[in-house]
Amino acid sequence: MIQKLEAYFMKDFIEKGGALVIFSIFMFIPVNFLRDVFMILMITLILSHLETRRREGSISELIALPFSYSQIFWFPFVFLIAIIAIVQFAISGIIGFSIYAAFSQIVYSLIFLTAYYGFFNILTIVGLSGGSFIWLLWVADITFGSIYPRSQNLYRMISPVYQENEIAALLFAVAILTISFYLFSKKGVTKRWRKRL
């Protein structure tokens, strides 16, 4: 398992390392809005093999390495967690955040990543372009969370963008990720891929 994970990391970093480094550099700007933008760009880049126009060939290549369907789902997620955690630790060290502030920034990023990774997979499973519709979901997330009065807006508690209650937001993000994995492995695109491979 560890060897396969390392192989996946090497493969993705060799293929997409340049863009990932650029996105990571821009994440050093300590503004949540920009951090969200570049995390979505990272998700879109890492999961580009799921897009309809590339799906069949890309999945065939991954299976040939070989990776299981479960690993095809979880390895990119672990890869993104590693990159974003490293970036957040580096930002905290350079800017000089307190331990609490640094921890809060990392938790925020991981909740956001978990939710939007799940959203991207769900979008592709239902036949939509994850790379396009993920931005509409992000705008909807911002919009629903900004509805006044904010004190009565319960959505802000679970919103991946606002995270007014971190526990509720984490549970919501994990639920989205779990649903996306279930659809991916049991009911979604993998069945169609198996028929083609």
N, C-alpha and C. Protein backbone atom coordinates (compact mmCIF):
# COMPACT_ATOMS: atom_id res chain seq x y z
N MET A 1 0.82 -1.21 0.00
CA MET A 1 0.00 0.00 0.00
C MET A 1 0.86 1.27 0.00
N ILE A 2 1.87 1.32 0.89
CA ILE A 2 2.73 2.49 0.99
C ILE A 2 3.50 2.69 -0.31
N GLN A 3 3.96 1.59 -0.89
CA GLN A 3 4.70 1.69 -2.15
C GLN A 3 3.81 2.23 -3.27
N LYS A 4 2.56 1.78 -3.30
CA LYS A 4 1.63 2.28 -4.31
C LYS A 4 1.34 3.76 -4.10
N LEU A 5 1.19 4.14 -2.82
CA LEU A 5 0.93 5.55 -2.52
C LEU A 5 2.12 6.41 -2.96
N GLU A 6 3.33 5.95 -2.68
CA GLU A 6 4.53 6.68 -3.11
C GLU A 6 4.58 6.77 -4.63
N ALA A 7 4.22 5.68 -5.30
CA ALA A 7 4.23 5.67 -6.76
C ALA A 7 3.23 6.68 -7.31
N TYR A 8 2.06 6.73 -6.66
CA TYR A 8 1.05 7.69 -7.11
C TYR A 8 1.54 9.12 -6.90
N PHE A 9 2.12 9.39 -5.73
CA PHE A 9 2.65 10.72 -5.44
C PHE A 9 3.67 11.13 -6.51
N MET A 10 4.59 10.21 -6.81
CA MET A 10 5.62 10.50 -7.81
C MET A 10 4.99 10.78 -9.17
N LYS A 11 4.03 9.95 -9.55
CA LYS A 11 3.38 10.11 -10.85
C LYS A 11 2.71 11.47 -10.96
N ASP A 12 1.92 11.84 -9.95
CA ASP A 12 1.19 13.11 -10.01
C ASP A 12 2.14 14.30 -9.93
N PHE A 13 3.17 14.18 -9.10
CA PHE A 13 4.08 15.31 -8.95
C PHE A 13 4.89 15.52 -10.22
N ILE A 14 5.29 14.43 -10.87
CA ILE A 14 6.03 14.55 -12.13
C ILE A 14 5.15 15.18 -13.20
N GLU A 15 3.88 14.73 -13.28
CA GLU A 15 2.97 15.20 -14.33
C GLU A 15 2.44 16.61 -14.06
N LYS A 16 2.21 16.94 -12.78
CA LYS A 16 1.48 18.17 -12.46
C LYS A 16 2.22 19.07 -11.48
N GLY A 17 3.49 18.73 -11.22
CA GLY A 17 4.24 19.45 -10.19
C GLY A 17 4.38 20.93 -10.44
N GLY A 18 4.61 21.33 -11.70
CA GLY A 18 4.78 22.75 -12.01
C GLY A 18 3.59 23.59 -11.61
N ALA A 19 2.41 23.14 -12.02
CA ALA A 19 1.19 23.88 -11.69
C ALA A 19 0.93 23.85 -10.19
N LEU A 20 1.19 22.71 -9.55
CA LEU A 20 0.97 22.60 -8.10
C LEU A 20 1.88 23.56 -7.33
N VAL A 21 3.11 23.71 -7.77
CA VAL A 21 4.03 24.64 -7.10
C VAL A 21 3.52 26.06 -7.24
N ILE A 22 3.05 26.43 -8.43
CA ILE A 22 2.52 27.78 -8.65
C ILE A 22 1.30 28.03 -7.77
N PHE A 23 0.36 27.08 -7.75
CA PHE A 23 -0.83 27.24 -6.90
C PHE A 23 -0.43 27.34 -5.43
N SER A 24 0.55 26.55 -5.02
CA SER A 24 0.99 26.56 -3.63
C SER A 24 1.60 27.91 -3.25
N ILE A 25 2.36 28.49 -4.17
CA ILE A 25 2.96 29.81 -3.91
C ILE A 25 1.88 30.86 -3.69
N PHE A 26 0.85 30.83 -4.53
CA PHE A 26 -0.22 31.81 -4.39
C PHE A 26 -1.03 31.61 -3.11
N MET A 27 -1.02 30.38 -2.59
CA MET A 27 -1.72 30.12 -1.33
C MET A 27 -1.02 30.77 -0.14
N PHE A 28 0.20 31.27 -0.34
CA PHE A 28 0.90 31.96 0.73
C PHE A 28 0.30 33.33 1.02
N ILE A 29 -0.55 33.80 0.12
CA ILE A 29 -1.27 35.05 0.40
C ILE A 29 -2.33 34.74 1.45
N PRO A 30 -2.24 35.34 2.64
CA PRO A 30 -3.12 34.95 3.75
C PRO A 30 -4.53 35.52 3.65
N VAL A 31 -5.24 35.15 2.58
CA VAL A 31 -6.61 35.60 2.36
C VAL A 31 -7.45 34.36 2.06
N ASN A 32 -8.49 34.13 2.85
CA ASN A 32 -9.29 32.92 2.67
C ASN A 32 -9.85 32.77 1.26
N PHE A 33 -10.32 33.89 0.70
CA PHE A 33 -10.91 33.85 -0.65
C PHE A 33 -9.92 33.28 -1.66
N LEU A 34 -8.68 33.79 -1.64
CA LEU A 34 -7.67 33.31 -2.59
C LEU A 34 -7.25 31.88 -2.28
N ARG A 35 -7.18 31.55 -1.02
CA ARG A 35 -6.83 30.18 -0.64
C ARG A 35 -7.87 29.20 -1.18
N ASP A 36 -9.15 29.57 -1.07
CA ASP A 36 -10.22 28.72 -1.60
C ASP A 36 -10.06 28.54 -3.11
N VAL A 37 -9.78 29.63 -3.81
CA VAL A 37 -9.63 29.58 -5.27
C VAL A 37 -8.52 28.59 -5.65
N PHE A 38 -7.39 28.69 -4.99
CA PHE A 38 -6.26 27.85 -5.39
C PHE A 38 -6.42 26.41 -4.90
N MET A 39 -7.17 26.19 -3.82
CA MET A 39 -7.47 24.81 -3.44
C MET A 39 -8.40 24.16 -4.47
N ILE A 40 -9.37 24.92 -4.97
CA ILE A 40 -10.26 24.37 -6.01
C ILE A 40 -9.46 24.09 -7.28
N LEU A 41 -8.54 24.98 -7.62
CA LEU A 41 -7.69 24.74 -8.79
C LEU A 41 -6.86 23.47 -8.61
N MET A 42 -6.35 23.25 -7.41
CA MET A 42 -5.59 22.02 -7.14
C MET A 42 -6.46 20.79 -7.29
N ILE A 43 -7.66 20.84 -6.73
CA ILE A 43 -8.59 19.70 -6.83
C ILE A 43 -8.89 19.41 -8.30
N THR A 44 -9.18 20.46 -9.05
CA THR A 44 -9.51 20.30 -10.47
C THR A 44 -8.33 19.71 -11.24
N LEU A 45 -7.13 20.15 -10.91
CA LEU A 45 -5.94 19.64 -11.59
C LEU A 45 -5.70 18.17 -11.24
N ILE A 46 -5.75 17.84 -9.96
CA ILE A 46 -5.45 16.47 -9.52
C ILE A 46 -6.51 15.49 -9.99
N LEU A 47 -7.76 15.93 -10.09
CA LEU A 47 -8.85 15.04 -10.50
C LEU A 47 -9.21 15.20 -11.97
N SER A 48 -8.30 15.77 -12.75
CA SER A 48 -8.59 15.98 -14.17
C SER A 48 -8.83 14.66 -14.91
N HIS A 49 -8.29 13.55 -14.37
CA HIS A 49 -8.50 12.25 -15.02
C HIS A 49 -9.96 11.79 -14.95
N LEU A 50 -10.77 12.45 -14.12
CA LEU A 50 -12.18 12.05 -14.03
C LEU A 50 -13.07 12.79 -15.02
N GLU A 51 -12.54 13.85 -15.64
CA GLU A 51 -13.35 14.60 -16.59
C GLU A 51 -13.76 13.71 -17.76
N THR A 52 -14.95 13.92 -18.27
CA THR A 52 -15.55 13.04 -19.29
C THR A 52 -14.64 12.86 -20.49
N ARG A 53 -14.02 13.94 -20.97
CA ARG A 53 -13.23 13.85 -22.19
C ARG A 53 -11.96 13.03 -22.02
N ARG A 54 -11.50 12.84 -20.76
CA ARG A 54 -10.25 12.12 -20.51
C ARG A 54 -10.47 10.82 -19.75
N ARG A 55 -11.67 10.58 -19.29
CA ARG A 55 -11.90 9.56 -18.27
C ARG A 55 -11.43 8.17 -18.67
N GLU A 56 -11.86 7.69 -19.83
CA GLU A 56 -11.60 6.29 -20.17
C GLU A 56 -10.11 6.01 -20.26
N GLY A 57 -9.36 6.83 -21.02
CA GLY A 57 -7.93 6.60 -21.17
C GLY A 57 -7.17 6.77 -19.88
N SER A 58 -7.53 7.79 -19.10
CA SER A 58 -6.80 8.07 -17.86
C SER A 58 -7.00 6.97 -16.84
N ILE A 59 -8.23 6.50 -16.70
CA ILE A 59 -8.50 5.44 -15.74
C ILE A 59 -7.81 4.15 -16.17
N SER A 60 -7.79 3.89 -17.47
CA SER A 60 -7.09 2.70 -17.97
C SER A 60 -5.62 2.74 -17.59
N GLU A 61 -5.01 3.92 -17.71
CA GLU A 61 -3.60 4.07 -17.36
C GLU A 61 -3.37 3.82 -15.88
N LEU A 62 -4.26 4.35 -15.03
CA LEU A 62 -4.09 4.17 -13.59
C LEU A 62 -4.27 2.72 -13.18
N ILE A 63 -5.26 2.04 -13.77
CA ILE A 63 -5.49 0.64 -13.45
C ILE A 63 -4.30 -0.21 -13.90
N ALA A 64 -3.67 0.18 -15.01
CA ALA A 64 -2.55 -0.58 -15.53
C ALA A 64 -1.31 -0.48 -14.65
N LEU A 65 -1.25 0.46 -13.70
CA LEU A 65 -0.01 0.68 -12.93
C LEU A 65 0.35 -0.40 -11.90
N PRO A 66 -0.48 -1.06 -11.17
CA PRO A 66 -1.94 -0.98 -11.13
C PRO A 66 -2.43 -0.33 -9.84
N PHE A 67 -3.53 0.40 -9.94
CA PHE A 67 -4.21 0.94 -8.76
C PHE A 67 -5.63 0.40 -8.77
N SER A 68 -6.15 0.09 -7.59
CA SER A 68 -7.54 -0.33 -7.49
C SER A 68 -8.44 0.90 -7.61
N TYR A 69 -9.74 0.68 -7.79
CA TYR A 69 -10.67 1.80 -7.88
C TYR A 69 -10.73 2.57 -6.56
N SER A 70 -10.62 1.85 -5.47
CA SER A 70 -10.61 2.50 -4.17
C SER A 70 -9.38 3.41 -4.04
N GLN A 71 -8.24 2.92 -4.50
CA GLN A 71 -7.01 3.72 -4.43
C GLN A 71 -7.08 4.92 -5.37
N ILE A 72 -7.74 4.76 -6.51
CA ILE A 72 -7.90 5.88 -7.44
C ILE A 72 -8.71 7.00 -6.79
N PHE A 73 -9.60 6.63 -5.89
CA PHE A 73 -10.39 7.64 -5.17
C PHE A 73 -9.58 8.28 -4.04
N TRP A 74 -8.92 7.44 -3.21
CA TRP A 74 -8.31 7.95 -1.98
C TRP A 74 -6.90 8.51 -2.16
N PHE A 75 -6.12 7.99 -3.07
CA PHE A 75 -4.74 8.48 -3.23
C PHE A 75 -4.67 9.96 -3.60
N PRO A 76 -5.49 10.43 -4.55
CA PRO A 76 -5.46 11.88 -4.83
C PRO A 76 -5.84 12.72 -3.61
N PHE A 77 -6.77 12.20 -2.81
CA PHE A 77 -7.20 12.93 -1.61
C PHE A 77 -6.03 13.05 -0.62
N VAL A 78 -5.34 11.94 -0.39
CA VAL A 78 -4.18 11.95 0.52
C VAL A 78 -3.09 12.86 -0.04
N PHE A 79 -2.89 12.83 -1.34
CA PHE A 79 -1.90 13.68 -2.00
C PHE A 79 -2.22 15.16 -1.77
N LEU A 80 -3.46 15.53 -1.93
CA LEU A 80 -3.89 16.92 -1.71
C LEU A 80 -3.75 17.32 -0.24
N ILE A 81 -4.11 16.42 0.66
CA ILE A 81 -3.95 16.70 2.09
C ILE A 81 -2.48 16.99 2.40
N ALA A 82 -1.58 16.17 1.86
CA ALA A 82 -0.15 16.36 2.11
C ALA A 82 0.33 17.72 1.61
N ILE A 83 -0.05 18.07 0.39
CA ILE A 83 0.39 19.35 -0.18
C ILE A 83 -0.14 20.52 0.64
N ILE A 84 -1.44 20.50 0.93
CA ILE A 84 -2.05 21.63 1.61
C ILE A 84 -1.56 21.74 3.05
N ALA A 85 -1.35 20.61 3.72
CA ALA A 85 -0.82 20.66 5.09
C ALA A 85 0.59 21.24 5.10
N ILE A 86 1.43 20.84 4.15
CA ILE A 86 2.80 21.37 4.07
C ILE A 86 2.77 22.87 3.82
N VAL A 87 1.92 23.29 2.88
CA VAL A 87 1.81 24.72 2.56
C VAL A 87 1.34 25.51 3.78
N GLN A 88 0.33 24.99 4.49
CA GLN A 88 -0.21 25.70 5.64
C GLN A 88 0.82 25.79 6.78
N PHE A 89 1.57 24.72 7.00
CA PHE A 89 2.64 24.77 8.02
C PHE A 89 3.70 25.79 7.63
N ALA A 90 4.04 25.83 6.35
CA ALA A 90 5.05 26.78 5.88
C ALA A 90 4.55 28.22 6.04
N ILE A 91 3.28 28.45 5.68
CA ILE A 91 2.71 29.79 5.83
C ILE A 91 2.74 30.22 7.29
N SER A 92 2.35 29.31 8.17
CA SER A 92 2.31 29.62 9.60
C SER A 92 3.70 29.97 10.12
N GLY A 93 4.72 29.24 9.64
CA GLY A 93 6.08 29.52 10.09
C GLY A 93 6.60 30.84 9.57
N ILE A 94 6.31 31.16 8.31
CA ILE A 94 6.81 32.39 7.71
C ILE A 94 6.11 33.62 8.27
N ILE A 95 4.77 33.55 8.37
CA ILE A 95 4.01 34.70 8.85
C ILE A 95 4.09 34.83 10.36
N GLY A 96 4.34 33.72 11.04
CA GLY A 96 4.46 33.77 12.49
C GLY A 96 3.14 33.69 13.22
N PHE A 97 2.23 32.86 12.69
CA PHE A 97 0.96 32.65 13.37
C PHE A 97 1.20 32.00 14.73
N SER A 98 0.28 32.26 15.66
CA SER A 98 0.31 31.51 16.92
C SER A 98 -0.06 30.07 16.63
N ILE A 99 0.20 29.19 17.58
CA ILE A 99 -0.14 27.78 17.39
C ILE A 99 -1.63 27.61 17.13
N TYR A 100 -2.45 28.35 17.88
CA TYR A 100 -3.90 28.24 17.69
C TYR A 100 -4.31 28.72 16.30
N ALA A 101 -3.75 29.86 15.86
CA ALA A 101 -4.09 30.39 14.54
C ALA A 101 -3.64 29.44 13.44
N ALA A 102 -2.44 28.88 13.59
CA ALA A 102 -1.93 27.94 12.60
C ALA A 102 -2.82 26.70 12.52
N PHE A 103 -3.20 26.17 13.69
CA PHE A 103 -4.07 25.00 13.72
C PHE A 103 -5.42 25.30 13.08
N SER A 104 -5.97 26.49 13.37
CA SER A 104 -7.27 26.88 12.80
C SER A 104 -7.20 26.97 11.28
N GLN A 105 -6.09 27.51 10.76
CA GLN A 105 -5.92 27.64 9.31
C GLN A 105 -5.86 26.25 8.66
N ILE A 106 -5.14 25.33 9.30
CA ILE A 106 -5.01 23.99 8.74
C ILE A 106 -6.36 23.26 8.78
N VAL A 107 -7.07 23.38 9.89
CA VAL A 107 -8.39 22.75 10.00
C VAL A 107 -9.34 23.30 8.95
N TYR A 108 -9.34 24.63 8.79
CA TYR A 108 -10.20 25.26 7.77
C TYR A 108 -9.89 24.66 6.40
N SER A 109 -8.62 24.60 6.05
CA SER A 109 -8.23 24.12 4.72
C SER A 109 -8.62 22.67 4.51
N LEU A 110 -8.44 21.84 5.53
CA LEU A 110 -8.75 20.41 5.39
C LEU A 110 -10.26 20.18 5.28
N ILE A 111 -11.05 20.95 6.01
CA ILE A 111 -12.52 20.84 5.88
C ILE A 111 -12.95 21.26 4.48
N PHE A 112 -12.42 22.38 4.02
CA PHE A 112 -12.77 22.87 2.69
C PHE A 112 -12.37 21.84 1.63
N LEU A 113 -11.14 21.32 1.74
CA LEU A 113 -10.66 20.32 0.78
C LEU A 113 -11.54 19.08 0.78
N THR A 114 -11.90 18.59 1.96
CA THR A 114 -12.71 17.38 2.06
C THR A 114 -14.06 17.55 1.38
N ALA A 115 -14.71 18.68 1.64
CA ALA A 115 -16.03 18.94 1.06
C ALA A 115 -15.95 19.06 -0.46
N TYR A 116 -15.01 19.86 -0.95
CA TYR A 116 -14.96 20.12 -2.39
C TYR A 116 -14.36 18.97 -3.18
N TYR A 117 -13.54 18.17 -2.57
CA TYR A 117 -13.10 16.94 -3.20
C TYR A 117 -14.31 16.02 -3.42
N GLY A 118 -15.15 15.91 -2.40
CA GLY A 118 -16.37 15.12 -2.52
C GLY A 118 -17.31 15.69 -3.56
N PHE A 119 -17.49 17.01 -3.55
CA PHE A 119 -18.36 17.65 -4.53
C PHE A 119 -17.89 17.36 -5.95
N PHE A 120 -16.59 17.49 -6.19
CA PHE A 120 -16.05 17.28 -7.54
C PHE A 120 -16.36 15.86 -8.02
N ASN A 121 -16.13 14.88 -7.15
CA ASN A 121 -16.40 13.50 -7.53
C ASN A 121 -17.87 13.26 -7.81
N ILE A 122 -18.74 13.82 -6.99
CA ILE A 122 -20.18 13.65 -7.20
C ILE A 122 -20.59 14.25 -8.54
N LEU A 123 -20.08 15.43 -8.85
CA LEU A 123 -20.42 16.08 -10.11
C LEU A 123 -20.02 15.23 -11.30
N THR A 124 -18.82 14.64 -11.26
CA THR A 124 -18.37 13.83 -12.39
C THR A 124 -19.16 12.52 -12.48
N ILE A 125 -19.54 11.98 -11.33
CA ILE A 125 -20.29 10.72 -11.33
C ILE A 125 -21.66 10.91 -11.97
N VAL A 126 -22.29 12.06 -11.75
CA VAL A 126 -23.61 12.30 -12.34
C VAL A 126 -23.52 12.81 -13.77
N GLY A 127 -22.29 12.90 -14.30
CA GLY A 127 -22.12 13.23 -15.71
C GLY A 127 -21.85 14.69 -16.01
N LEU A 128 -21.62 15.49 -14.99
CA LEU A 128 -21.32 16.91 -15.20
C LEU A 128 -19.81 17.12 -15.20
N SER A 129 -19.40 18.27 -15.68
CA SER A 129 -17.99 18.62 -15.66
C SER A 129 -17.62 19.15 -14.29
N GLY A 130 -16.85 18.36 -13.54
CA GLY A 130 -16.45 18.79 -12.22
C GLY A 130 -15.66 20.09 -12.25
N GLY A 131 -14.79 20.23 -13.26
CA GLY A 131 -13.96 21.41 -13.36
C GLY A 131 -14.73 22.69 -13.60
N SER A 132 -15.93 22.58 -14.16
CA SER A 132 -16.76 23.77 -14.40
C SER A 132 -17.78 23.99 -13.29
N PHE A 133 -18.52 22.94 -12.95
CA PHE A 133 -19.63 23.10 -12.01
C PHE A 133 -19.16 23.28 -10.57
N ILE A 134 -17.92 22.90 -10.27
CA ILE A 134 -17.40 23.10 -8.91
C ILE A 134 -17.36 24.58 -8.57
N TRP A 135 -17.12 25.42 -9.58
CA TRP A 135 -17.10 26.87 -9.35
C TRP A 135 -18.49 27.40 -9.06
N LEU A 136 -19.50 26.84 -9.72
CA LEU A 136 -20.88 27.24 -9.44
C LEU A 136 -21.27 26.85 -8.02
N LEU A 137 -20.83 25.67 -7.58
CA LEU A 137 -21.10 25.26 -6.20
C LEU A 137 -20.43 26.20 -5.20
N TRP A 138 -19.22 26.61 -5.51
CA TRP A 138 -18.49 27.52 -4.63
C TRP A 138 -19.21 28.87 -4.52
N VAL A 139 -19.67 29.39 -5.67
CA VAL A 139 -20.43 30.66 -5.66
C VAL A 139 -21.72 30.48 -4.87
N ALA A 140 -22.40 29.34 -5.06
CA ALA A 140 -23.63 29.07 -4.31
C ALA A 140 -23.34 28.98 -2.81
N ASP A 141 -22.23 28.35 -2.45
CA ASP A 141 -21.81 28.24 -1.05
C ASP A 141 -21.64 29.63 -0.43
N ILE A 142 -20.94 30.50 -1.14
CA ILE A 142 -20.72 31.87 -0.66
C ILE A 142 -22.05 32.61 -0.55
N THR A 143 -22.90 32.43 -1.57
CA THR A 143 -24.18 33.16 -1.61
C THR A 143 -25.11 32.73 -0.48
N PHE A 144 -25.29 31.42 -0.32
CA PHE A 144 -26.19 30.93 0.74
C PHE A 144 -25.69 31.34 2.13
N GLY A 145 -24.38 31.36 2.29
CA GLY A 145 -23.83 31.72 3.58
C GLY A 145 -23.91 33.20 3.89
N SER A 146 -24.14 34.01 2.86
CA SER A 146 -24.17 35.46 3.06
C SER A 146 -25.59 36.01 3.23
N ILE A 147 -26.58 35.12 3.20
CA ILE A 147 -27.97 35.56 3.36
C ILE A 147 -28.18 36.10 4.77
N TYR A 148 -28.80 37.26 4.85
CA TYR A 148 -29.06 37.89 6.16
C TYR A 148 -30.41 37.45 6.71
N PRO A 149 -30.62 37.53 8.03
CA PRO A 149 -29.62 37.86 9.04
C PRO A 149 -28.68 36.68 9.27
N ARG A 150 -27.40 36.96 9.34
CA ARG A 150 -26.39 35.90 9.44
C ARG A 150 -26.55 35.09 10.72
N SER A 151 -27.02 35.72 11.77
CA SER A 151 -27.16 35.01 13.05
C SER A 151 -28.21 33.91 12.97
N GLN A 152 -29.13 34.02 12.00
CA GLN A 152 -30.18 33.01 11.83
C GLN A 152 -29.95 32.12 10.62
N ASN A 153 -28.83 32.31 9.96
CA ASN A 153 -28.51 31.52 8.78
C ASN A 153 -27.80 30.24 9.22
N LEU A 154 -28.56 29.17 9.34
CA LEU A 154 -28.00 27.91 9.83
C LEU A 154 -27.00 27.29 8.86
N TYR A 155 -27.13 27.64 7.58
CA TYR A 155 -26.22 27.06 6.60
C TYR A 155 -24.77 27.45 6.88
N ARG A 156 -24.56 28.64 7.45
CA ARG A 156 -23.20 29.10 7.74
C ARG A 156 -22.47 28.14 8.69
N MET A 157 -23.23 27.41 9.50
CA MET A 157 -22.60 26.48 10.44
C MET A 157 -21.90 25.33 9.72
N ILE A 158 -22.50 24.84 8.63
CA ILE A 158 -21.94 23.69 7.93
C ILE A 158 -21.21 24.07 6.65
N SER A 159 -21.28 25.33 6.26
CA SER A 159 -20.68 25.77 5.01
C SER A 159 -19.17 25.52 4.99
N PRO A 160 -18.65 24.90 3.92
CA PRO A 160 -17.20 24.73 3.81
C PRO A 160 -16.45 26.05 3.70
N VAL A 161 -17.13 27.10 3.28
CA VAL A 161 -16.50 28.42 3.16
C VAL A 161 -16.52 29.16 4.49
N TYR A 162 -17.66 29.17 5.19
CA TYR A 162 -17.79 29.98 6.41
C TYR A 162 -17.42 29.22 7.68
N GLN A 163 -17.80 27.97 7.77
CA GLN A 163 -17.42 27.11 8.89
C GLN A 163 -17.63 27.78 10.26
N GLU A 164 -18.83 28.29 10.49
CA GLU A 164 -19.08 28.97 11.77
C GLU A 164 -19.10 27.98 12.94
N ASN A 165 -19.38 26.72 12.64
CA ASN A 165 -19.25 25.66 13.64
C ASN A 165 -18.35 24.60 13.02
N GLU A 166 -17.11 24.54 13.47
CA GLU A 166 -16.13 23.67 12.81
C GLU A 166 -16.52 22.20 12.88
N ILE A 167 -17.13 21.78 13.98
CA ILE A 167 -17.52 20.37 14.10
C ILE A 167 -18.63 20.04 13.11
N ALA A 168 -19.63 20.94 13.02
CA ALA A 168 -20.73 20.74 12.08
C ALA A 168 -20.20 20.77 10.64
N ALA A 169 -19.31 21.71 10.35
CA ALA A 169 -18.74 21.81 9.01
C ALA A 169 -17.92 20.57 8.66
N LEU A 170 -17.18 20.05 9.65
CA LEU A 170 -16.39 18.84 9.42
C LEU A 170 -17.29 17.64 9.16
N LEU A 171 -18.35 17.50 9.95
CA LEU A 171 -19.28 16.38 9.75
C LEU A 171 -19.94 16.46 8.38
N PHE A 172 -20.31 17.67 7.97
CA PHE A 172 -20.92 17.87 6.65
C PHE A 172 -19.93 17.49 5.55
N ALA A 173 -18.68 17.94 5.69
CA ALA A 173 -17.66 17.63 4.69
C ALA A 173 -17.39 16.13 4.60
N VAL A 174 -17.31 15.47 5.75
CA VAL A 174 -17.07 14.02 5.77
C VAL A 174 -18.27 13.29 5.15
N ALA A 175 -19.48 13.78 5.41
CA ALA A 175 -20.68 13.17 4.82
C ALA A 175 -20.63 13.27 3.29
N ILE A 176 -20.24 14.44 2.78
CA ILE A 176 -20.13 14.63 1.33
C ILE A 176 -19.07 13.69 0.75
N LEU A 177 -17.94 13.60 1.42
CA LEU A 177 -16.87 12.71 0.96
C LEU A 177 -17.31 11.25 0.98
N THR A 178 -18.02 10.85 2.03
CA THR A 178 -18.49 9.47 2.14
C THR A 178 -19.49 9.14 1.04
N ILE A 179 -20.42 10.05 0.79
CA ILE A 179 -21.40 9.85 -0.28
C ILE A 179 -20.70 9.74 -1.63
N SER A 180 -19.72 10.60 -1.84
CA SER A 180 -19.02 10.57 -3.13
C SER A 180 -18.26 9.25 -3.31
N PHE A 181 -17.66 8.73 -2.24
CA PHE A 181 -16.95 7.46 -2.34
C PHE A 181 -17.93 6.32 -2.61
N TYR A 182 -19.07 6.35 -1.93
CA TYR A 182 -20.08 5.31 -2.16
C TYR A 182 -20.53 5.32 -3.62
N LEU A 183 -20.85 6.51 -4.14
CA LEU A 183 -21.29 6.62 -5.52
C LEU A 183 -20.18 6.19 -6.48
N PHE A 184 -18.96 6.59 -6.16
CA PHE A 184 -17.81 6.26 -6.99
C PHE A 184 -17.59 4.76 -7.09
N SER A 185 -17.69 4.08 -5.96
CA SER A 185 -17.34 2.65 -5.92
C SER A 185 -18.50 1.71 -6.16
N LYS A 186 -19.73 2.16 -5.87
CA LYS A 186 -20.87 1.25 -5.94
C LYS A 186 -21.86 1.55 -7.07
N LYS A 187 -22.09 2.83 -7.33
CA LYS A 187 -23.20 3.15 -8.23
C LYS A 187 -22.80 4.03 -9.40
N GLY A 188 -21.58 4.54 -9.38
CA GLY A 188 -21.25 5.57 -10.34
C GLY A 188 -20.43 5.11 -11.51
N VAL A 189 -19.47 5.96 -11.87
CA VAL A 189 -18.72 5.79 -13.11
C VAL A 189 -17.87 4.53 -13.13
N THR A 190 -17.49 4.00 -12.01
CA THR A 190 -16.59 2.85 -12.04
C THR A 190 -17.22 1.64 -12.71
N LYS A 191 -18.53 1.49 -12.62
CA LYS A 191 -19.18 0.35 -13.29
C LYS A 191 -19.05 0.51 -14.81
N ARG A 192 -19.19 1.73 -15.28
CA ARG A 192 -19.05 1.97 -16.71
C ARG A 192 -17.59 1.75 -17.12
N TRP A 193 -16.65 2.15 -16.26
CA TRP A 193 -15.25 1.94 -16.58
C TRP A 193 -14.92 0.45 -16.66
N ARG A 194 -15.47 -0.34 -15.72
CA ARG A 194 -15.17 -1.77 -15.71
C ARG A 194 -15.60 -2.42 -17.02
N LYS A 195 -16.72 -1.94 -17.59
CA LYS A 195 -17.21 -2.53 -18.83
C LYS A 195 -16.30 -2.19 -19.99
N ARG A 196 -15.61 -1.06 -19.90
CA ARG A 196 -14.79 -0.60 -21.01
C ARG A 196 -13.38 -1.15 -20.94
N LEU A 197 -12.92 -1.51 -19.71
CA LEU A 197 -11.53 -1.93 -19.55
C LEU A 197 -11.33 -3.39 -19.92
